[in-house]
């Protein structure tokens, strides 16, 4: 399970139970006494009841929890199922703030065609195993650094691969990439140009 998925599935009661344990209390009653809150209400929260935001903030302070995370967990639990994914972890967003900002700036600079292509790439990344994405990114970075002659040679090899009709995913590749723009292979002294 990825970190983002873990943060999304933490419940208010789960977070409070963890905090009770982390703070060294043996049970809910001892914790309620220790943090000076009414046991009956606190026990309901540990059992799954979600109190108002102010009460959650008070519990967060007393249990040394991130109040933003606790409030987000409460809103996530109250939200309809199709909306829960929009309540990401504050900590995750804080940790990725520069990356999120860069993505927003890239999106703002894209035209409709570029946005559609970006969306296709995002879907591929989302579906593909992480290791496959790393390899694809490394290949793309390497390709962009190639000297033009070597790049033309690699383009020629891609054209040769495209001539194999039995290659899986070829139809999708051909519909996505205008491979006619890739340099045509031409033999020069036994090598491709």
N, C-alpha and C. Protein backbone atom coordinates (compact mmCIF):
# COMPACT_ATOMS: atom_id res chain seq x y z
N UNK A 1 0.84 -1.18 0.00
CA UNK A 1 0.00 0.00 0.00
C UNK A 1 0.89 1.25 0.00
N UNK A 2 0.58 2.20 -0.85
CA UNK A 2 1.37 3.42 -0.94
C UNK A 2 1.04 4.37 0.20
N UNK A 3 1.91 5.32 0.47
CA UNK A 3 1.74 6.27 1.56
C UNK A 3 0.44 7.05 1.41
N UNK A 4 0.15 7.51 0.19
CA UNK A 4 -1.06 8.30 -0.04
C UNK A 4 -2.30 7.48 0.31
N UNK A 5 -2.30 6.20 -0.02
CA UNK A 5 -3.45 5.36 0.28
C UNK A 5 -3.60 5.18 1.79
N UNK A 6 -2.51 5.04 2.50
CA UNK A 6 -2.56 4.88 3.96
C UNK A 6 -3.18 6.11 4.60
N UNK A 7 -2.75 7.29 4.17
CA UNK A 7 -3.26 8.53 4.75
C UNK A 7 -4.74 8.66 4.47
N UNK A 8 -5.20 8.29 3.28
CA UNK A 8 -6.59 8.43 2.91
C UNK A 8 -7.48 7.50 3.72
N UNK A 9 -7.00 6.36 4.16
CA UNK A 9 -7.85 5.39 4.82
C UNK A 9 -7.84 5.51 6.34
N UNK A 10 -7.02 6.37 6.91
CA UNK A 10 -7.00 6.53 8.36
C UNK A 10 -8.28 7.22 8.81
N UNK A 11 -8.93 6.61 9.79
CA UNK A 11 -10.15 7.19 10.34
C UNK A 11 -9.81 8.05 11.56
N UNK A 12 -10.77 8.88 11.96
CA UNK A 12 -10.59 9.70 13.15
C UNK A 12 -10.37 8.80 14.35
N UNK A 13 -11.22 7.78 14.51
CA UNK A 13 -11.08 6.89 15.66
C UNK A 13 -9.75 6.14 15.62
N UNK A 14 -9.31 5.75 14.43
CA UNK A 14 -8.02 5.06 14.30
C UNK A 14 -6.86 5.96 14.70
N UNK A 15 -6.92 7.22 14.27
CA UNK A 15 -5.86 8.17 14.61
C UNK A 15 -5.82 8.41 16.11
N UNK A 16 -6.99 8.52 16.73
CA UNK A 16 -7.05 8.77 18.18
C UNK A 16 -6.59 7.54 18.95
N UNK A 17 -6.99 6.36 18.50
CA UNK A 17 -6.51 5.12 19.16
C UNK A 17 -4.99 5.03 19.12
N UNK A 18 -4.41 5.34 17.95
CA UNK A 18 -2.94 5.33 17.82
C UNK A 18 -2.30 6.33 18.79
N UNK A 19 -2.92 7.52 18.88
CA UNK A 19 -2.38 8.56 19.76
C UNK A 19 -2.47 8.15 21.23
N UNK A 20 -3.55 7.47 21.60
CA UNK A 20 -3.71 6.99 22.99
C UNK A 20 -2.56 6.05 23.32
N UNK A 21 -2.31 5.13 22.40
CA UNK A 21 -1.23 4.15 22.58
C UNK A 21 0.14 4.84 22.62
N UNK A 22 0.36 5.75 21.67
CA UNK A 22 1.64 6.45 21.56
C UNK A 22 1.95 7.28 22.81
N UNK A 23 0.89 7.84 23.41
CA UNK A 23 1.06 8.67 24.60
C UNK A 23 1.16 7.85 25.88
N UNK A 24 1.12 6.52 25.75
CA UNK A 24 1.37 5.65 26.89
C UNK A 24 0.18 5.36 27.79
N UNK A 25 -1.02 5.68 27.36
CA UNK A 25 -2.21 5.37 28.17
C UNK A 25 -2.59 3.91 27.96
N UNK A 26 -3.05 3.26 29.04
CA UNK A 26 -3.38 1.84 28.93
C UNK A 26 -4.76 1.62 28.30
N UNK A 27 -5.69 2.59 28.45
CA UNK A 27 -7.02 2.46 27.83
C UNK A 27 -7.65 3.84 27.65
N UNK A 28 -8.86 3.84 27.09
CA UNK A 28 -9.57 5.08 26.77
C UNK A 28 -9.90 5.87 28.04
N UNK A 29 -10.33 5.15 29.08
CA UNK A 29 -10.73 5.81 30.33
C UNK A 29 -9.54 6.56 30.95
N UNK A 30 -8.39 5.90 31.01
CA UNK A 30 -7.19 6.53 31.57
C UNK A 30 -6.80 7.76 30.74
N UNK A 31 -6.91 7.64 29.42
CA UNK A 31 -6.57 8.75 28.54
C UNK A 31 -7.53 9.93 28.76
N UNK A 32 -8.83 9.65 28.85
CA UNK A 32 -9.82 10.71 29.06
C UNK A 32 -9.51 11.47 30.36
N UNK A 33 -9.18 10.73 31.41
CA UNK A 33 -8.81 11.37 32.67
C UNK A 33 -7.54 12.21 32.49
N UNK A 34 -6.55 11.62 31.79
CA UNK A 34 -5.26 12.28 31.61
C UNK A 34 -5.32 13.57 30.81
N UNK A 35 -6.18 13.61 29.80
CA UNK A 35 -6.28 14.82 28.97
C UNK A 35 -7.46 15.71 29.38
N UNK A 36 -8.14 15.28 30.46
CA UNK A 36 -9.24 16.06 31.07
C UNK A 36 -10.38 16.34 30.10
N UNK A 37 -10.93 15.25 29.54
CA UNK A 37 -12.13 15.34 28.69
C UNK A 37 -13.17 14.36 29.23
N UNK A 38 -14.47 14.64 29.00
CA UNK A 38 -15.51 13.72 29.47
C UNK A 38 -15.35 12.33 28.81
N UNK A 39 -15.29 11.31 29.67
CA UNK A 39 -15.06 9.95 29.19
C UNK A 39 -16.13 9.50 28.21
N UNK A 40 -17.42 9.75 28.51
CA UNK A 40 -18.51 9.25 27.65
C UNK A 40 -18.38 9.74 26.21
N UNK A 41 -18.15 11.03 26.04
CA UNK A 41 -18.02 11.61 24.69
C UNK A 41 -16.74 11.09 24.01
N UNK A 42 -15.65 11.08 24.77
CA UNK A 42 -14.37 10.63 24.21
C UNK A 42 -14.46 9.16 23.77
N UNK A 43 -15.12 8.33 24.56
CA UNK A 43 -15.28 6.92 24.24
C UNK A 43 -16.11 6.75 22.96
N UNK A 44 -17.11 7.61 22.76
CA UNK A 44 -17.92 7.57 21.53
C UNK A 44 -17.04 7.88 20.31
N UNK A 45 -16.16 8.86 20.45
CA UNK A 45 -15.27 9.25 19.35
C UNK A 45 -14.32 8.10 19.01
N UNK A 46 -13.78 7.48 20.04
CA UNK A 46 -12.89 6.32 19.83
C UNK A 46 -13.67 5.19 19.16
N UNK A 47 -14.96 5.12 19.45
CA UNK A 47 -15.82 4.09 18.85
C UNK A 47 -16.29 4.41 17.44
N UNK A 48 -16.04 5.63 16.94
CA UNK A 48 -16.41 5.94 15.56
C UNK A 48 -17.24 7.20 15.38
N UNK A 49 -17.76 7.80 16.46
CA UNK A 49 -18.52 9.05 16.35
C UNK A 49 -17.56 10.19 15.97
N UNK A 50 -18.02 11.07 15.07
CA UNK A 50 -17.17 12.19 14.66
C UNK A 50 -17.74 13.47 15.26
N UNK A 51 -17.02 14.08 16.21
CA UNK A 51 -17.51 15.32 16.84
C UNK A 51 -17.28 16.53 15.94
N UNK A 52 -17.67 17.69 16.43
CA UNK A 52 -17.47 18.94 15.68
C UNK A 52 -15.98 19.27 15.61
N UNK A 53 -15.64 20.14 14.66
CA UNK A 53 -14.24 20.50 14.41
C UNK A 53 -13.52 21.02 15.65
N UNK A 54 -14.18 21.88 16.43
CA UNK A 54 -13.56 22.45 17.62
C UNK A 54 -13.13 21.38 18.61
N UNK A 55 -13.99 20.37 18.78
CA UNK A 55 -13.67 19.27 19.69
C UNK A 55 -12.49 18.46 19.16
N UNK A 56 -12.47 18.24 17.84
CA UNK A 56 -11.35 17.51 17.23
C UNK A 56 -10.04 18.26 17.42
N UNK A 57 -10.07 19.57 17.25
CA UNK A 57 -8.86 20.39 17.43
C UNK A 57 -8.37 20.29 18.87
N UNK A 58 -9.33 20.30 19.82
CA UNK A 58 -8.96 20.16 21.23
C UNK A 58 -8.31 18.81 21.49
N UNK A 59 -8.89 17.74 20.96
CA UNK A 59 -8.31 16.39 21.11
C UNK A 59 -6.92 16.33 20.48
N UNK A 60 -6.78 16.95 19.31
CA UNK A 60 -5.50 16.93 18.60
C UNK A 60 -4.40 17.59 19.45
N UNK A 61 -4.71 18.73 20.05
CA UNK A 61 -3.74 19.43 20.89
C UNK A 61 -3.33 18.57 22.09
N UNK A 62 -4.34 17.99 22.74
CA UNK A 62 -4.09 17.23 23.96
C UNK A 62 -3.39 15.90 23.69
N UNK A 63 -3.61 15.35 22.49
CA UNK A 63 -3.00 14.05 22.14
C UNK A 63 -1.77 14.20 21.25
N UNK A 64 -1.34 15.47 21.03
CA UNK A 64 -0.16 15.76 20.18
C UNK A 64 -0.33 15.20 18.77
N UNK A 65 -1.50 15.47 18.18
CA UNK A 65 -1.79 15.07 16.80
C UNK A 65 -1.80 16.32 15.92
N UNK A 66 -1.61 16.14 14.62
CA UNK A 66 -1.74 17.23 13.66
C UNK A 66 -3.24 17.49 13.48
N UNK A 67 -3.70 18.64 13.96
CA UNK A 67 -5.14 18.94 13.91
C UNK A 67 -5.66 18.97 12.47
N UNK A 68 -4.81 19.40 11.53
CA UNK A 68 -5.24 19.43 10.12
C UNK A 68 -5.53 18.02 9.62
N UNK A 69 -4.67 17.07 9.98
CA UNK A 69 -4.86 15.68 9.56
C UNK A 69 -6.14 15.10 10.17
N UNK A 70 -6.40 15.42 11.44
CA UNK A 70 -7.58 14.92 12.12
C UNK A 70 -8.86 15.49 11.50
N UNK A 71 -8.85 16.78 11.21
CA UNK A 71 -10.02 17.43 10.58
C UNK A 71 -10.24 16.85 9.18
N UNK A 72 -9.16 16.69 8.41
CA UNK A 72 -9.30 16.10 7.07
C UNK A 72 -9.86 14.68 7.14
N UNK A 73 -9.41 13.91 8.11
CA UNK A 73 -9.93 12.54 8.28
C UNK A 73 -11.43 12.58 8.56
N UNK A 74 -11.85 13.54 9.39
CA UNK A 74 -13.29 13.67 9.71
C UNK A 74 -14.09 14.03 8.46
N UNK A 75 -13.61 14.99 7.69
CA UNK A 75 -14.32 15.40 6.47
C UNK A 75 -14.34 14.27 5.45
N UNK A 76 -13.25 13.52 5.37
CA UNK A 76 -13.18 12.38 4.45
C UNK A 76 -14.23 11.34 4.84
N UNK A 77 -14.35 11.07 6.13
CA UNK A 77 -15.33 10.08 6.58
C UNK A 77 -16.76 10.53 6.31
N UNK A 78 -17.02 11.82 6.43
CA UNK A 78 -18.37 12.35 6.21
C UNK A 78 -18.72 12.46 4.72
N UNK A 79 -17.72 12.55 3.88
CA UNK A 79 -17.93 12.78 2.44
C UNK A 79 -18.54 11.56 1.75
N UNK A 80 -19.31 11.79 0.67
CA UNK A 80 -19.81 10.67 -0.13
C UNK A 80 -18.61 9.91 -0.72
N UNK A 81 -18.79 8.62 -0.98
CA UNK A 81 -17.70 7.77 -1.46
C UNK A 81 -16.97 8.34 -2.68
N UNK A 82 -17.70 8.91 -3.63
CA UNK A 82 -17.05 9.42 -4.85
C UNK A 82 -16.27 10.71 -4.60
N UNK A 83 -16.38 11.29 -3.40
CA UNK A 83 -15.66 12.52 -3.08
C UNK A 83 -14.48 12.29 -2.14
N UNK A 84 -14.40 11.13 -1.51
CA UNK A 84 -13.37 10.87 -0.49
C UNK A 84 -11.95 11.08 -1.00
N UNK A 85 -11.72 10.77 -2.27
CA UNK A 85 -10.35 10.87 -2.80
C UNK A 85 -9.84 12.31 -2.86
N UNK A 86 -10.74 13.29 -2.76
CA UNK A 86 -10.31 14.68 -2.82
C UNK A 86 -9.73 15.17 -1.50
N UNK A 87 -9.89 14.38 -0.44
CA UNK A 87 -9.37 14.77 0.86
C UNK A 87 -8.02 14.12 1.09
N UNK A 88 -7.00 14.65 0.45
CA UNK A 88 -5.63 14.13 0.59
C UNK A 88 -5.04 14.56 1.92
N UNK A 89 -3.98 13.92 2.27
CA UNK A 89 -3.28 14.24 3.50
C UNK A 89 -2.61 15.60 3.40
N UNK A 90 -2.80 16.42 4.42
CA UNK A 90 -2.13 17.73 4.46
C UNK A 90 -0.62 17.54 4.45
N UNK A 91 -0.14 16.56 5.21
CA UNK A 91 1.30 16.31 5.30
C UNK A 91 1.86 15.95 3.92
N UNK A 92 1.11 15.12 3.18
CA UNK A 92 1.58 14.74 1.84
C UNK A 92 1.62 15.96 0.93
N UNK A 93 0.60 16.82 1.01
CA UNK A 93 0.60 18.02 0.18
C UNK A 93 1.73 18.96 0.58
N UNK A 94 1.97 19.09 1.91
CA UNK A 94 3.07 19.94 2.38
C UNK A 94 4.41 19.43 1.87
N UNK A 95 4.60 18.11 1.92
CA UNK A 95 5.85 17.51 1.49
C UNK A 95 6.08 17.66 -0.02
N UNK A 96 5.02 17.81 -0.78
CA UNK A 96 5.14 17.88 -2.23
C UNK A 96 4.76 19.25 -2.79
N UNK A 97 4.72 20.27 -1.95
CA UNK A 97 4.27 21.59 -2.37
C UNK A 97 4.99 22.11 -3.62
N UNK A 98 6.34 22.07 -3.71
CA UNK A 98 7.00 22.57 -4.93
C UNK A 98 6.60 21.76 -6.17
N UNK A 99 6.48 20.46 -6.03
CA UNK A 99 6.11 19.62 -7.17
C UNK A 99 4.68 19.90 -7.61
N UNK A 100 3.77 20.05 -6.64
CA UNK A 100 2.38 20.36 -6.96
C UNK A 100 2.31 21.71 -7.66
N UNK A 101 3.04 22.70 -7.16
CA UNK A 101 3.05 24.03 -7.77
C UNK A 101 3.57 23.97 -9.20
N UNK A 102 4.63 23.18 -9.42
CA UNK A 102 5.19 23.05 -10.78
C UNK A 102 4.18 22.42 -11.73
N UNK A 103 3.46 21.39 -11.26
CA UNK A 103 2.44 20.74 -12.10
C UNK A 103 1.34 21.75 -12.45
N UNK A 104 0.91 22.54 -11.48
CA UNK A 104 -0.13 23.55 -11.73
C UNK A 104 0.36 24.56 -12.77
N UNK A 105 1.61 24.99 -12.68
CA UNK A 105 2.16 25.94 -13.65
C UNK A 105 2.24 25.32 -15.05
N UNK A 106 2.62 24.05 -15.12
CA UNK A 106 2.67 23.35 -16.41
C UNK A 106 1.27 23.28 -17.01
N UNK A 107 0.28 22.93 -16.19
CA UNK A 107 -1.10 22.84 -16.66
C UNK A 107 -1.59 24.19 -17.18
N UNK A 108 -1.25 25.26 -16.47
CA UNK A 108 -1.67 26.60 -16.88
C UNK A 108 -1.09 26.99 -18.24
N UNK A 109 0.11 26.49 -18.55
CA UNK A 109 0.78 26.86 -19.80
C UNK A 109 0.39 25.98 -21.00
N UNK A 110 -0.39 24.93 -20.77
CA UNK A 110 -0.73 23.99 -21.85
C UNK A 110 -1.95 24.44 -22.64
N UNK A 111 -1.91 24.14 -23.96
CA UNK A 111 -3.10 24.34 -24.77
C UNK A 111 -3.95 23.07 -24.69
N UNK A 112 -5.11 23.05 -25.33
CA UNK A 112 -6.05 21.92 -25.23
C UNK A 112 -5.41 20.60 -25.69
N UNK A 113 -4.68 20.65 -26.81
CA UNK A 113 -4.04 19.43 -27.34
C UNK A 113 -2.97 18.91 -26.37
N UNK A 114 -2.18 19.82 -25.82
CA UNK A 114 -1.14 19.42 -24.87
C UNK A 114 -1.76 18.85 -23.59
N UNK A 115 -2.87 19.45 -23.14
CA UNK A 115 -3.55 18.94 -21.94
C UNK A 115 -4.06 17.52 -22.15
N UNK A 116 -4.59 17.27 -23.35
CA UNK A 116 -5.08 15.93 -23.67
C UNK A 116 -3.93 14.92 -23.66
N UNK A 117 -2.79 15.31 -24.24
CA UNK A 117 -1.63 14.43 -24.25
C UNK A 117 -1.09 14.22 -22.84
N UNK A 118 -1.09 15.27 -22.04
CA UNK A 118 -0.63 15.18 -20.66
C UNK A 118 -1.54 14.24 -19.86
N UNK A 119 -2.82 14.32 -20.15
CA UNK A 119 -3.78 13.44 -19.48
C UNK A 119 -3.52 11.98 -19.85
N UNK A 120 -3.21 11.72 -21.11
CA UNK A 120 -2.89 10.35 -21.54
C UNK A 120 -1.64 9.85 -20.84
N UNK A 121 -0.63 10.69 -20.75
CA UNK A 121 0.61 10.32 -20.07
C UNK A 121 0.34 10.04 -18.60
N UNK A 122 -0.48 10.90 -17.97
CA UNK A 122 -0.81 10.70 -16.55
C UNK A 122 -1.53 9.37 -16.34
N UNK A 123 -2.44 9.02 -17.25
CA UNK A 123 -3.14 7.72 -17.14
C UNK A 123 -2.17 6.57 -17.26
N UNK A 124 -1.22 6.68 -18.21
CA UNK A 124 -0.22 5.62 -18.37
C UNK A 124 0.64 5.48 -17.13
N UNK A 125 1.06 6.61 -16.56
CA UNK A 125 1.88 6.60 -15.36
C UNK A 125 1.11 5.99 -14.20
N UNK A 126 -0.16 6.36 -14.10
CA UNK A 126 -0.99 5.87 -13.00
C UNK A 126 -1.17 4.36 -13.06
N UNK A 127 -1.29 3.82 -14.27
CA UNK A 127 -1.53 2.38 -14.45
C UNK A 127 -0.24 1.55 -14.42
N UNK A 128 0.86 2.16 -14.80
CA UNK A 128 2.11 1.42 -14.96
C UNK A 128 2.83 1.21 -13.62
N UNK A 129 3.56 0.10 -13.50
CA UNK A 129 4.37 -0.11 -12.29
C UNK A 129 5.43 0.99 -12.17
N UNK A 130 5.76 1.36 -10.96
CA UNK A 130 6.70 2.46 -10.69
C UNK A 130 8.03 2.24 -11.40
N UNK A 131 8.55 1.01 -11.38
CA UNK A 131 9.84 0.72 -12.00
C UNK A 131 9.79 0.96 -13.52
N UNK A 132 8.68 0.60 -14.15
CA UNK A 132 8.51 0.82 -15.59
C UNK A 132 8.56 2.32 -15.89
N UNK A 133 7.91 3.13 -15.05
CA UNK A 133 7.91 4.59 -15.24
C UNK A 133 9.31 5.16 -15.12
N UNK A 134 10.07 4.66 -14.14
CA UNK A 134 11.45 5.14 -13.96
C UNK A 134 12.29 4.83 -15.20
N UNK A 135 12.14 3.62 -15.73
CA UNK A 135 12.90 3.24 -16.93
C UNK A 135 12.51 4.09 -18.12
N UNK A 136 11.21 4.31 -18.30
CA UNK A 136 10.72 5.12 -19.43
C UNK A 136 11.25 6.55 -19.32
N UNK A 137 11.23 7.11 -18.12
CA UNK A 137 11.73 8.47 -17.92
C UNK A 137 13.22 8.54 -18.19
N UNK A 138 13.96 7.54 -17.73
CA UNK A 138 15.41 7.51 -17.98
C UNK A 138 15.70 7.43 -19.47
N UNK A 139 14.94 6.60 -20.18
CA UNK A 139 15.13 6.48 -21.64
C UNK A 139 14.83 7.81 -22.34
N UNK A 140 13.76 8.46 -21.92
CA UNK A 140 13.40 9.74 -22.54
C UNK A 140 14.48 10.79 -22.28
N UNK A 141 14.99 10.86 -21.05
CA UNK A 141 16.05 11.81 -20.73
C UNK A 141 17.31 11.51 -21.54
N UNK A 142 17.64 10.23 -21.67
CA UNK A 142 18.80 9.83 -22.46
C UNK A 142 18.61 10.21 -23.92
N UNK A 143 17.43 9.95 -24.46
CA UNK A 143 17.12 10.27 -25.85
C UNK A 143 17.30 11.77 -26.11
N UNK A 144 16.84 12.60 -25.17
CA UNK A 144 16.94 14.05 -25.36
C UNK A 144 18.39 14.54 -25.32
N UNK A 145 19.30 13.76 -24.74
CA UNK A 145 20.70 14.16 -24.64
C UNK A 145 21.56 13.61 -25.78
N UNK A 146 20.96 12.78 -26.62
CA UNK A 146 21.73 12.16 -27.70
C UNK A 146 22.18 13.20 -28.71
N UNK A 147 23.28 12.92 -29.32
CA UNK A 147 23.76 13.75 -30.42
C UNK A 147 22.83 13.47 -31.61
N UNK A 148 22.56 14.47 -32.46
CA UNK A 148 21.57 14.34 -33.53
C UNK A 148 21.78 13.11 -34.43
N UNK A 149 23.03 12.74 -34.68
CA UNK A 149 23.30 11.58 -35.54
C UNK A 149 22.83 10.29 -34.87
N UNK A 150 23.12 10.16 -33.59
CA UNK A 150 22.70 8.98 -32.84
C UNK A 150 21.18 8.96 -32.67
N UNK A 151 20.59 10.13 -32.49
CA UNK A 151 19.14 10.24 -32.38
C UNK A 151 18.48 9.75 -33.67
N UNK A 152 19.04 10.13 -34.81
CA UNK A 152 18.50 9.69 -36.10
C UNK A 152 18.61 8.17 -36.23
N UNK A 153 19.71 7.59 -35.75
CA UNK A 153 19.89 6.14 -35.78
C UNK A 153 18.83 5.45 -34.93
N UNK A 154 18.58 5.99 -33.75
CA UNK A 154 17.57 5.42 -32.86
C UNK A 154 16.19 5.53 -33.49
N UNK A 155 15.90 6.67 -34.14
CA UNK A 155 14.63 6.84 -34.84
C UNK A 155 14.48 5.78 -35.93
N UNK A 156 15.57 5.46 -36.60
CA UNK A 156 15.54 4.43 -37.63
C UNK A 156 15.21 3.07 -37.03
N UNK A 157 15.78 2.77 -35.89
CA UNK A 157 15.48 1.51 -35.22
C UNK A 157 14.01 1.44 -34.81
N UNK A 158 13.46 2.56 -34.38
CA UNK A 158 12.04 2.61 -34.02
C UNK A 158 11.19 2.32 -35.25
N UNK A 159 11.58 2.90 -36.39
CA UNK A 159 10.85 2.63 -37.64
C UNK A 159 10.89 1.15 -38.00
N UNK A 160 12.04 0.54 -37.83
CA UNK A 160 12.14 -0.90 -38.10
C UNK A 160 11.21 -1.69 -37.18
N UNK A 161 11.15 -1.31 -35.92
CA UNK A 161 10.27 -2.00 -34.97
C UNK A 161 8.81 -1.82 -35.36
N UNK A 162 8.47 -0.66 -35.91
CA UNK A 162 7.09 -0.39 -36.30
C UNK A 162 6.64 -1.21 -37.50
N UNK A 163 7.57 -1.77 -38.22
CA UNK A 163 7.23 -2.60 -39.38
C UNK A 163 6.78 -4.00 -38.98
N UNK A 164 7.01 -4.38 -37.73
CA UNK A 164 6.56 -5.68 -37.24
C UNK A 164 5.09 -5.57 -36.85
N UNK A 165 4.22 -6.21 -37.62
CA UNK A 165 2.80 -6.11 -37.37
C UNK A 165 2.35 -6.88 -36.13
N UNK A 166 3.16 -7.80 -35.64
CA UNK A 166 2.76 -8.63 -34.51
C UNK A 166 3.20 -8.05 -33.17
N UNK A 167 3.77 -6.87 -33.18
CA UNK A 167 4.24 -6.24 -31.96
C UNK A 167 3.04 -5.80 -31.12
N UNK A 168 2.94 -6.25 -29.84
CA UNK A 168 1.80 -5.86 -29.01
C UNK A 168 1.78 -4.34 -28.79
N UNK A 169 0.61 -3.76 -28.84
CA UNK A 169 0.48 -2.33 -28.60
C UNK A 169 0.85 -1.46 -29.78
N UNK A 170 1.16 -2.08 -30.92
CA UNK A 170 1.61 -1.32 -32.09
C UNK A 170 0.51 -0.40 -32.62
N UNK A 171 -0.72 -0.91 -32.67
CA UNK A 171 -1.82 -0.11 -33.20
C UNK A 171 -2.01 1.17 -32.36
N UNK A 172 -1.98 1.02 -31.04
CA UNK A 172 -2.12 2.17 -30.16
C UNK A 172 -0.96 3.14 -30.34
N UNK A 173 0.26 2.59 -30.49
CA UNK A 173 1.44 3.43 -30.69
C UNK A 173 1.31 4.23 -31.98
N UNK A 174 0.91 3.55 -33.06
CA UNK A 174 0.77 4.23 -34.35
C UNK A 174 -0.29 5.32 -34.30
N UNK A 175 -1.37 5.09 -33.56
CA UNK A 175 -2.43 6.10 -33.50
C UNK A 175 -2.02 7.29 -32.62
N UNK A 176 -1.10 7.06 -31.68
CA UNK A 176 -0.67 8.11 -30.77
C UNK A 176 0.47 8.94 -31.36
N UNK A 177 1.42 8.28 -32.00
CA UNK A 177 2.62 8.93 -32.51
C UNK A 177 2.55 9.07 -34.02
N UNK A 178 2.89 10.25 -34.51
CA UNK A 178 2.98 10.43 -35.96
C UNK A 178 4.38 9.97 -36.37
N UNK A 179 4.51 8.64 -36.53
CA UNK A 179 5.84 8.08 -36.79
C UNK A 179 6.32 8.38 -38.20
N UNK A 180 5.46 8.93 -39.07
CA UNK A 180 5.91 9.28 -40.41
C UNK A 180 6.91 10.44 -40.36
N UNK A 181 6.90 11.19 -39.25
CA UNK A 181 7.83 12.31 -39.10
C UNK A 181 9.21 11.86 -38.65
N UNK A 182 9.29 10.63 -38.14
CA UNK A 182 10.59 10.10 -37.73
C UNK A 182 11.41 9.87 -38.98
N UNK A 183 12.68 10.15 -38.90
CA UNK A 183 13.55 10.01 -40.08
C UNK A 183 13.45 8.62 -40.69
N UNK A 184 13.39 8.55 -41.97
CA UNK A 184 13.37 7.27 -42.68
C UNK A 184 14.77 6.66 -42.67
N UNK A 185 14.88 5.35 -42.46
CA UNK A 185 16.23 4.75 -42.47
C UNK A 185 16.82 4.78 -43.88
N UNK A 186 18.05 5.20 -43.95
CA UNK A 186 18.75 5.20 -45.23
C UNK A 186 20.13 4.61 -44.99
N UNK A 187 20.50 3.65 -45.79
CA UNK A 187 21.80 2.97 -45.61
C UNK A 187 22.91 3.87 -46.13
N UNK A 188 23.95 4.00 -45.30
CA UNK A 188 25.14 4.75 -45.69
C UNK A 188 26.31 3.94 -45.22
N UNK A 189 26.98 3.34 -46.11
CA UNK A 189 28.17 2.57 -45.74
C UNK A 189 27.86 1.44 -44.77
N UNK A 190 26.69 0.78 -44.94
CA UNK A 190 26.35 -0.37 -44.10
C UNK A 190 25.68 -0.01 -42.80
N UNK A 191 25.46 1.29 -42.52
CA UNK A 191 24.76 1.66 -41.29
C UNK A 191 23.56 2.51 -41.64
N UNK A 192 22.71 2.71 -40.68
CA UNK A 192 21.56 3.58 -40.90
C UNK A 192 21.96 5.00 -40.63
N UNK A 193 21.37 5.92 -41.38
CA UNK A 193 21.67 7.35 -41.16
C UNK A 193 20.83 7.89 -40.05
